[in-house]
Amino acid sequence: MANDEHLALLRSGASAWNGWRAGRDAAPDLSRAGLRGVDLSGYDLSQTDLRGADLRGTNFSGTKLSAAHLEGANLFKAVLDGADLAGAYLYGAQFLNCAQLVVTRNWQSAFRDEALACGASIPKKPVSA
């Protein structure tokens, strides 16, 4: 379940969120959060737990999602243009397709299901994931 403090900070805007994230190693918990249609462009969501989150129609343009956990998240019509997916975990992501994926940065290094190969090799699943 999402951390209420983390949700409140997220809703304060990209500047406040990114300032809070600067220098922190702790991974924010936004698991199962209802973020449908929210504009998260420019946010640093690296290493954030977004497992099972409702991200339908959410704008992630230019968002840093490196090493983020998006397993089971609903990404129906999510905008991912220019998002950084380096090392992101996309296993079981719902309604994610190659058209959404290939407009991101570093998508080839994201851990994903075979259906999201999109013409590139899939990295081996890390033991700790």
N, C-alpha and C. Protein backbone atom coordinates (compact mmCIF):
# COMPACT_ATOMS: atom_id res chain seq x y z
N MET A 1 0.84 -1.19 0.00
CA MET A 1 0.00 0.00 0.00
C MET A 1 0.89 1.25 0.00
N ALA A 2 0.50 2.21 -0.76
CA ALA A 2 1.28 3.45 -0.88
C ALA A 2 1.44 4.16 0.46
N ASN A 3 2.58 4.75 0.64
CA ASN A 3 2.88 5.54 1.83
C ASN A 3 2.17 6.89 1.67
N ASP A 4 1.33 7.26 2.62
CA ASP A 4 0.54 8.50 2.54
C ASP A 4 1.43 9.74 2.46
N GLU A 5 2.55 9.74 3.17
CA GLU A 5 3.48 10.88 3.13
C GLU A 5 4.08 11.02 1.73
N HIS A 6 4.42 9.90 1.12
CA HIS A 6 4.98 9.93 -0.22
C HIS A 6 3.95 10.42 -1.23
N LEU A 7 2.71 10.00 -1.08
CA LEU A 7 1.64 10.47 -1.98
C LEU A 7 1.43 11.98 -1.85
N ALA A 8 1.44 12.48 -0.63
CA ALA A 8 1.27 13.92 -0.40
C ALA A 8 2.41 14.71 -1.03
N LEU A 9 3.63 14.22 -0.88
CA LEU A 9 4.78 14.89 -1.50
C LEU A 9 4.68 14.87 -3.02
N LEU A 10 4.25 13.76 -3.57
CA LEU A 10 4.10 13.63 -5.02
C LEU A 10 3.11 14.67 -5.54
N ARG A 11 2.05 14.87 -4.81
CA ARG A 11 1.00 15.81 -5.24
C ARG A 11 1.40 17.27 -5.02
N SER A 12 2.55 17.50 -4.38
CA SER A 12 3.05 18.87 -4.18
C SER A 12 3.75 19.43 -5.41
N GLY A 13 3.98 18.60 -6.41
CA GLY A 13 4.61 19.05 -7.65
C GLY A 13 6.01 18.49 -7.83
N ALA A 14 6.48 18.55 -9.08
CA ALA A 14 7.78 17.97 -9.44
C ALA A 14 8.93 18.61 -8.67
N SER A 15 8.91 19.92 -8.50
CA SER A 15 10.00 20.61 -7.82
C SER A 15 10.12 20.15 -6.36
N ALA A 16 9.01 20.09 -5.66
CA ALA A 16 9.02 19.66 -4.26
C ALA A 16 9.43 18.19 -4.16
N TRP A 17 8.87 17.37 -5.02
CA TRP A 17 9.19 15.94 -5.01
C TRP A 17 10.68 15.72 -5.30
N ASN A 18 11.16 16.31 -6.38
CA ASN A 18 12.56 16.11 -6.77
C ASN A 18 13.52 16.66 -5.72
N GLY A 19 13.16 17.76 -5.07
CA GLY A 19 13.97 18.29 -3.98
C GLY A 19 14.03 17.34 -2.81
N TRP A 20 12.90 16.74 -2.49
CA TRP A 20 12.85 15.75 -1.41
C TRP A 20 13.67 14.52 -1.76
N ARG A 21 13.62 14.11 -3.03
CA ARG A 21 14.34 12.92 -3.47
C ARG A 21 15.85 13.13 -3.52
N ALA A 22 16.30 14.35 -3.72
CA ALA A 22 17.74 14.62 -3.87
C ALA A 22 18.51 14.13 -2.65
N GLY A 23 19.48 13.30 -2.89
CA GLY A 23 20.33 12.81 -1.82
C GLY A 23 19.75 11.71 -0.97
N ARG A 24 18.56 11.23 -1.31
CA ARG A 24 17.94 10.14 -0.55
C ARG A 24 18.14 8.82 -1.28
N ASP A 25 18.47 7.80 -0.54
CA ASP A 25 18.62 6.48 -1.12
C ASP A 25 17.36 5.64 -0.95
N ALA A 26 16.50 6.04 -0.04
CA ALA A 26 15.29 5.26 0.23
C ALA A 26 14.36 5.28 -0.98
N ALA A 27 13.76 4.13 -1.25
CA ALA A 27 12.84 4.01 -2.38
C ALA A 27 11.43 4.40 -1.95
N PRO A 28 10.85 5.39 -2.59
CA PRO A 28 9.48 5.78 -2.26
C PRO A 28 8.49 4.66 -2.54
N ASP A 29 7.47 4.57 -1.74
CA ASP A 29 6.44 3.54 -1.90
C ASP A 29 5.15 4.17 -2.40
N LEU A 30 4.87 3.94 -3.68
CA LEU A 30 3.62 4.37 -4.29
C LEU A 30 2.86 3.15 -4.82
N SER A 31 3.14 2.00 -4.23
CA SER A 31 2.49 0.77 -4.68
C SER A 31 0.98 0.87 -4.53
N ARG A 32 0.29 0.38 -5.56
CA ARG A 32 -1.18 0.36 -5.62
C ARG A 32 -1.81 1.74 -5.51
N ALA A 33 -1.03 2.79 -5.77
CA ALA A 33 -1.58 4.15 -5.70
C ALA A 33 -2.49 4.42 -6.89
N GLY A 34 -3.50 5.23 -6.68
CA GLY A 34 -4.40 5.66 -7.74
C GLY A 34 -3.89 6.96 -8.34
N LEU A 35 -3.13 6.85 -9.41
CA LEU A 35 -2.53 8.03 -10.04
C LEU A 35 -3.03 8.20 -11.47
N ARG A 36 -4.23 7.80 -11.70
CA ARG A 36 -4.83 7.86 -13.04
C ARG A 36 -4.89 9.30 -13.55
N GLY A 37 -4.29 9.50 -14.74
CA GLY A 37 -4.36 10.79 -15.42
C GLY A 37 -3.50 11.89 -14.81
N VAL A 38 -2.63 11.57 -13.87
CA VAL A 38 -1.79 12.57 -13.21
C VAL A 38 -0.62 12.95 -14.12
N ASP A 39 -0.22 14.22 -14.09
CA ASP A 39 0.94 14.67 -14.87
C ASP A 39 2.18 14.52 -14.00
N LEU A 40 2.98 13.50 -14.29
CA LEU A 40 4.21 13.24 -13.56
C LEU A 40 5.43 13.49 -14.44
N SER A 41 5.25 14.34 -15.44
CA SER A 41 6.37 14.65 -16.33
C SER A 41 7.46 15.38 -15.55
N GLY A 42 8.70 14.93 -15.76
CA GLY A 42 9.84 15.57 -15.12
C GLY A 42 10.12 15.12 -13.70
N TYR A 43 9.37 14.21 -13.16
CA TYR A 43 9.59 13.72 -11.80
C TYR A 43 10.75 12.72 -11.78
N ASP A 44 11.42 12.64 -10.65
CA ASP A 44 12.43 11.59 -10.43
C ASP A 44 11.74 10.47 -9.66
N LEU A 45 11.31 9.46 -10.39
CA LEU A 45 10.66 8.30 -9.79
C LEU A 45 11.57 7.08 -9.84
N SER A 46 12.87 7.31 -9.96
CA SER A 46 13.80 6.19 -10.00
C SER A 46 13.69 5.39 -8.70
N GLN A 47 13.74 4.10 -8.82
CA GLN A 47 13.67 3.14 -7.72
C GLN A 47 12.35 3.19 -6.94
N THR A 48 11.36 3.89 -7.45
CA THR A 48 10.08 3.98 -6.77
C THR A 48 9.27 2.71 -6.95
N ASP A 49 8.60 2.29 -5.90
CA ASP A 49 7.73 1.12 -5.95
C ASP A 49 6.37 1.57 -6.46
N LEU A 50 6.07 1.21 -7.71
CA LEU A 50 4.79 1.53 -8.33
C LEU A 50 4.02 0.25 -8.67
N ARG A 51 4.36 -0.84 -8.00
CA ARG A 51 3.71 -2.12 -8.28
C ARG A 51 2.21 -2.02 -8.05
N GLY A 52 1.46 -2.48 -9.07
CA GLY A 52 0.02 -2.52 -8.97
C GLY A 52 -0.66 -1.16 -8.99
N ALA A 53 0.07 -0.11 -9.31
CA ALA A 53 -0.52 1.25 -9.32
C ALA A 53 -1.43 1.44 -10.54
N ASP A 54 -2.43 2.28 -10.38
CA ASP A 54 -3.32 2.65 -11.48
C ASP A 54 -2.70 3.87 -12.15
N LEU A 55 -2.06 3.65 -13.29
CA LEU A 55 -1.34 4.71 -14.00
C LEU A 55 -1.98 4.98 -15.37
N ARG A 56 -3.25 4.65 -15.51
CA ARG A 56 -3.95 4.86 -16.77
C ARG A 56 -3.95 6.34 -17.14
N GLY A 57 -3.45 6.62 -18.34
CA GLY A 57 -3.45 7.99 -18.84
C GLY A 57 -2.47 8.93 -18.15
N THR A 58 -1.61 8.40 -17.31
CA THR A 58 -0.64 9.23 -16.59
C THR A 58 0.45 9.70 -17.55
N ASN A 59 0.88 10.94 -17.40
CA ASN A 59 1.93 11.50 -18.26
C ASN A 59 3.28 11.36 -17.58
N PHE A 60 4.14 10.52 -18.17
CA PHE A 60 5.49 10.30 -17.67
C PHE A 60 6.53 10.90 -18.60
N SER A 61 6.18 11.88 -19.41
CA SER A 61 7.12 12.47 -20.37
C SER A 61 8.34 13.02 -19.64
N GLY A 62 9.52 12.52 -20.03
CA GLY A 62 10.76 13.00 -19.43
C GLY A 62 10.97 12.58 -17.99
N THR A 63 10.19 11.64 -17.50
CA THR A 63 10.29 11.19 -16.11
C THR A 63 11.41 10.17 -15.96
N LYS A 64 12.11 10.24 -14.85
CA LYS A 64 13.16 9.27 -14.56
C LYS A 64 12.52 8.09 -13.83
N LEU A 65 12.43 6.95 -14.53
CA LEU A 65 11.85 5.74 -13.98
C LEU A 65 12.89 4.62 -13.89
N SER A 66 14.16 4.98 -13.86
CA SER A 66 15.20 3.96 -13.83
C SER A 66 15.10 3.15 -12.54
N ALA A 67 15.18 1.84 -12.72
CA ALA A 67 15.08 0.86 -11.62
C ALA A 67 13.76 0.94 -10.84
N ALA A 68 12.75 1.57 -11.41
CA ALA A 68 11.43 1.63 -10.77
C ALA A 68 10.75 0.27 -10.92
N HIS A 69 9.93 -0.06 -9.94
CA HIS A 69 9.17 -1.32 -9.98
C HIS A 69 7.75 -1.01 -10.46
N LEU A 70 7.47 -1.45 -11.69
CA LEU A 70 6.17 -1.21 -12.30
C LEU A 70 5.42 -2.53 -12.53
N GLU A 71 5.82 -3.57 -11.83
CA GLU A 71 5.18 -4.86 -11.99
C GLU A 71 3.69 -4.77 -11.69
N GLY A 72 2.88 -5.25 -12.63
CA GLY A 72 1.44 -5.27 -12.44
C GLY A 72 0.75 -3.92 -12.52
N ALA A 73 1.49 -2.85 -12.80
CA ALA A 73 0.87 -1.51 -12.91
C ALA A 73 0.03 -1.44 -14.18
N ASN A 74 -1.05 -0.69 -14.13
CA ASN A 74 -1.91 -0.49 -15.29
C ASN A 74 -1.43 0.75 -16.03
N LEU A 75 -0.85 0.56 -17.22
CA LEU A 75 -0.28 1.65 -18.01
C LEU A 75 -1.10 1.94 -19.26
N PHE A 76 -2.41 1.65 -19.22
CA PHE A 76 -3.28 1.90 -20.36
C PHE A 76 -3.24 3.38 -20.73
N LYS A 77 -2.84 3.66 -21.95
CA LYS A 77 -2.75 5.02 -22.50
C LYS A 77 -1.82 5.94 -21.71
N ALA A 78 -0.89 5.38 -20.95
CA ALA A 78 0.11 6.20 -20.27
C ALA A 78 1.05 6.79 -21.32
N VAL A 79 1.48 8.02 -21.12
CA VAL A 79 2.39 8.70 -22.03
C VAL A 79 3.80 8.57 -21.45
N LEU A 80 4.66 7.89 -22.20
CA LEU A 80 6.01 7.60 -21.72
C LEU A 80 7.09 8.26 -22.57
N ASP A 81 6.75 9.19 -23.41
CA ASP A 81 7.70 9.83 -24.32
C ASP A 81 8.90 10.40 -23.57
N GLY A 82 10.09 9.90 -23.88
CA GLY A 82 11.31 10.42 -23.28
C GLY A 82 11.57 9.98 -21.86
N ALA A 83 10.71 9.13 -21.28
CA ALA A 83 10.95 8.63 -19.92
C ALA A 83 12.18 7.73 -19.94
N ASP A 84 12.94 7.72 -18.86
CA ASP A 84 14.13 6.88 -18.75
C ASP A 84 13.75 5.61 -18.00
N LEU A 85 13.80 4.48 -18.73
CA LEU A 85 13.42 3.19 -18.16
C LEU A 85 14.61 2.28 -17.89
N ALA A 86 15.79 2.84 -17.75
CA ALA A 86 16.99 2.02 -17.52
C ALA A 86 16.81 1.13 -16.30
N GLY A 87 16.85 -0.17 -16.52
CA GLY A 87 16.76 -1.12 -15.41
C GLY A 87 15.42 -1.16 -14.71
N ALA A 88 14.37 -0.61 -15.32
CA ALA A 88 13.04 -0.66 -14.70
C ALA A 88 12.49 -2.08 -14.78
N TYR A 89 11.61 -2.42 -13.86
CA TYR A 89 11.00 -3.74 -13.79
C TYR A 89 9.57 -3.64 -14.32
N LEU A 90 9.35 -4.24 -15.49
CA LEU A 90 8.07 -4.11 -16.17
C LEU A 90 7.30 -5.43 -16.25
N TYR A 91 7.73 -6.44 -15.52
CA TYR A 91 7.06 -7.74 -15.58
C TYR A 91 5.59 -7.60 -15.21
N GLY A 92 4.74 -8.14 -16.07
CA GLY A 92 3.31 -8.14 -15.79
C GLY A 92 2.64 -6.78 -15.86
N ALA A 93 3.35 -5.77 -16.40
CA ALA A 93 2.72 -4.45 -16.56
C ALA A 93 1.52 -4.61 -17.50
N GLN A 94 0.41 -4.04 -17.12
CA GLN A 94 -0.82 -4.20 -17.88
C GLN A 94 -0.96 -3.10 -18.93
N PHE A 95 -1.39 -3.52 -20.12
CA PHE A 95 -1.70 -2.62 -21.22
C PHE A 95 -0.51 -1.78 -21.68
N LEU A 96 0.70 -2.28 -21.47
CA LEU A 96 1.90 -1.65 -22.00
C LEU A 96 2.21 -2.30 -23.33
N ASN A 97 2.53 -1.50 -24.34
CA ASN A 97 2.82 -2.06 -25.65
C ASN A 97 4.11 -1.47 -26.22
N CYS A 98 4.54 -2.06 -27.34
CA CYS A 98 5.81 -1.64 -27.95
C CYS A 98 5.77 -0.18 -28.41
N ALA A 99 4.63 0.29 -28.87
CA ALA A 99 4.54 1.69 -29.31
C ALA A 99 4.83 2.64 -28.14
N GLN A 100 4.37 2.31 -26.95
CA GLN A 100 4.66 3.13 -25.78
C GLN A 100 6.12 2.98 -25.36
N LEU A 101 6.63 1.78 -25.47
CA LEU A 101 7.97 1.47 -24.97
C LEU A 101 9.08 2.10 -25.80
N VAL A 102 8.98 2.02 -27.12
CA VAL A 102 10.10 2.46 -27.96
C VAL A 102 10.29 3.98 -28.01
N VAL A 103 9.39 4.75 -27.47
CA VAL A 103 9.57 6.21 -27.42
C VAL A 103 10.24 6.65 -26.12
N THR A 104 10.60 5.67 -25.29
CA THR A 104 11.29 5.96 -24.05
C THR A 104 12.80 5.88 -24.26
N ARG A 105 13.55 6.25 -23.25
CA ARG A 105 15.01 6.10 -23.29
C ARG A 105 15.40 4.86 -22.50
N ASN A 106 16.41 4.17 -22.97
CA ASN A 106 16.98 3.01 -22.28
C ASN A 106 16.01 1.86 -22.05
N TRP A 107 14.96 1.78 -22.87
CA TRP A 107 13.97 0.72 -22.69
C TRP A 107 14.56 -0.68 -22.89
N GLN A 108 15.63 -0.76 -23.69
CA GLN A 108 16.22 -2.07 -23.96
C GLN A 108 16.80 -2.71 -22.71
N SER A 109 17.16 -1.91 -21.71
CA SER A 109 17.73 -2.45 -20.47
C SER A 109 16.67 -2.72 -19.41
N ALA A 110 15.41 -2.43 -19.72
CA ALA A 110 14.34 -2.68 -18.76
C ALA A 110 14.05 -4.18 -18.70
N PHE A 111 13.76 -4.67 -17.53
CA PHE A 111 13.41 -6.07 -17.33
C PHE A 111 11.94 -6.22 -17.66
N ARG A 112 11.64 -7.03 -18.68
CA ARG A 112 10.28 -7.08 -19.19
C ARG A 112 9.93 -8.48 -19.69
N ASP A 113 8.66 -8.69 -19.93
CA ASP A 113 8.15 -9.96 -20.43
C ASP A 113 8.49 -10.11 -21.91
N GLU A 114 8.48 -11.35 -22.38
CA GLU A 114 8.78 -11.67 -23.77
C GLU A 114 7.89 -10.90 -24.75
N ALA A 115 6.65 -10.65 -24.39
CA ALA A 115 5.72 -9.91 -25.26
C ALA A 115 6.20 -8.49 -25.52
N LEU A 116 7.10 -7.98 -24.68
CA LEU A 116 7.62 -6.63 -24.84
C LEU A 116 9.08 -6.63 -25.32
N ALA A 117 9.45 -7.67 -26.07
CA ALA A 117 10.80 -7.70 -26.64
C ALA A 117 10.97 -6.54 -27.62
N CYS A 118 9.95 -6.27 -28.41
CA CYS A 118 9.93 -5.13 -29.33
C CYS A 118 11.19 -5.07 -30.21
N GLY A 119 11.69 -6.23 -30.61
CA GLY A 119 12.84 -6.29 -31.51
C GLY A 119 14.19 -6.19 -30.83
N ALA A 120 14.24 -6.20 -29.52
CA ALA A 120 15.51 -6.11 -28.79
C ALA A 120 15.60 -7.30 -27.83
N SER A 121 16.81 -7.65 -27.47
CA SER A 121 16.97 -8.74 -26.50
C SER A 121 16.48 -8.29 -25.13
N ILE A 122 16.07 -9.26 -24.35
CA ILE A 122 15.57 -8.97 -23.01
C ILE A 122 16.64 -9.32 -22.00
N PRO A 123 16.98 -8.38 -21.10
CA PRO A 123 17.99 -8.69 -20.07
C PRO A 123 17.50 -9.80 -19.15
N LYS A 124 18.44 -10.57 -18.65
CA LYS A 124 18.08 -11.64 -17.71
C LYS A 124 17.58 -11.03 -16.42
N LYS A 125 16.56 -11.67 -15.88
CA LYS A 125 15.97 -11.20 -14.62
C LYS A 125 17.00 -11.31 -13.50
N PRO A 126 17.24 -10.22 -12.78
CA PRO A 126 18.20 -10.29 -11.67
C PRO A 126 17.69 -11.20 -10.57
N VAL A 127 18.59 -11.85 -9.88
CA VAL A 127 18.25 -12.79 -8.82
C VAL A 127 17.47 -12.11 -7.70
N SER A 128 17.81 -10.87 -7.37
CA SER A 128 17.19 -10.18 -6.23
C SER A 128 15.82 -9.59 -6.53
N ALA A 129 15.39 -9.58 -7.80
CA ALA A 129 14.10 -8.95 -8.15
C ALA A 129 12.92 -9.85 -7.92
